[in-house]
Amino acid sequence: MSTRLTLTLSFAAALLGACSGPRAVPPPLAAAFDEPYVLATGDRLRVSVFGQPNLSNSYTVEADGQIAMPLVGRYAVVNKTPDQVRTGLEAKLKSGFLRDPNVSVEIEGYRPFYILGEVNNAGQYPYVVGMTAENAVAIASGFSPRAEKKKVELTRRHGDRVFKAEVPLTYPVRPGDTITVEERWF
């Protein structure tokens, strides 16, 4: 009788453990979300130089992490915020080209996000501001029949650091994130 009671209690404990809610997002991943957005390869910038229409244009961050701009030449922007790029471009233009340059830098287009695993159309998709993991699954034509539908694994690169965690479907996605939908057990 005691073996039967032990098995019953063990089974009940396992069931209760399986019913627990989603785990909290690990602090490093949450911190990576709270930090200011830094530029990476594939982002598209709109650089405007007041009074200089020939310098105002859209520039894509190339594979080497730079943009190519008239007068300035190749300028490294990867791992910088748009405001840091603005300050740097103003300094470059001030050193021999323009007296008092007024530069603005805006993100015109974000690098894509990626979704893998148990979705109907895994792949690379354009990022949409404010999207969640659930939106990303919807863009990938929904879950496959074998998908774990309560949580996903999110991989986020921030500068030279990589963060990976299981997150709920309501978790915000950022440009460049990789979302992996795991296969469920049963």
Foldseek 3Di string as FASTA:
>chain_A
DVVVVVVVVVVVVVVVVVPDADDDWDVVVVVLVVDADADDAQWKKFKDKPPCVQQTDIFGQHPVQWTQTPQQGTDHRGLHHQVVVQVVVQVSCCVPHDVGIDMGMDTPFFAWEFEDEFAQAGGTDGDDPPAFQLVVSVVRVHGHPQWDQFWWWKWDDRPNDIDIDIDGRRHDDDGHMYIYTYGDDD
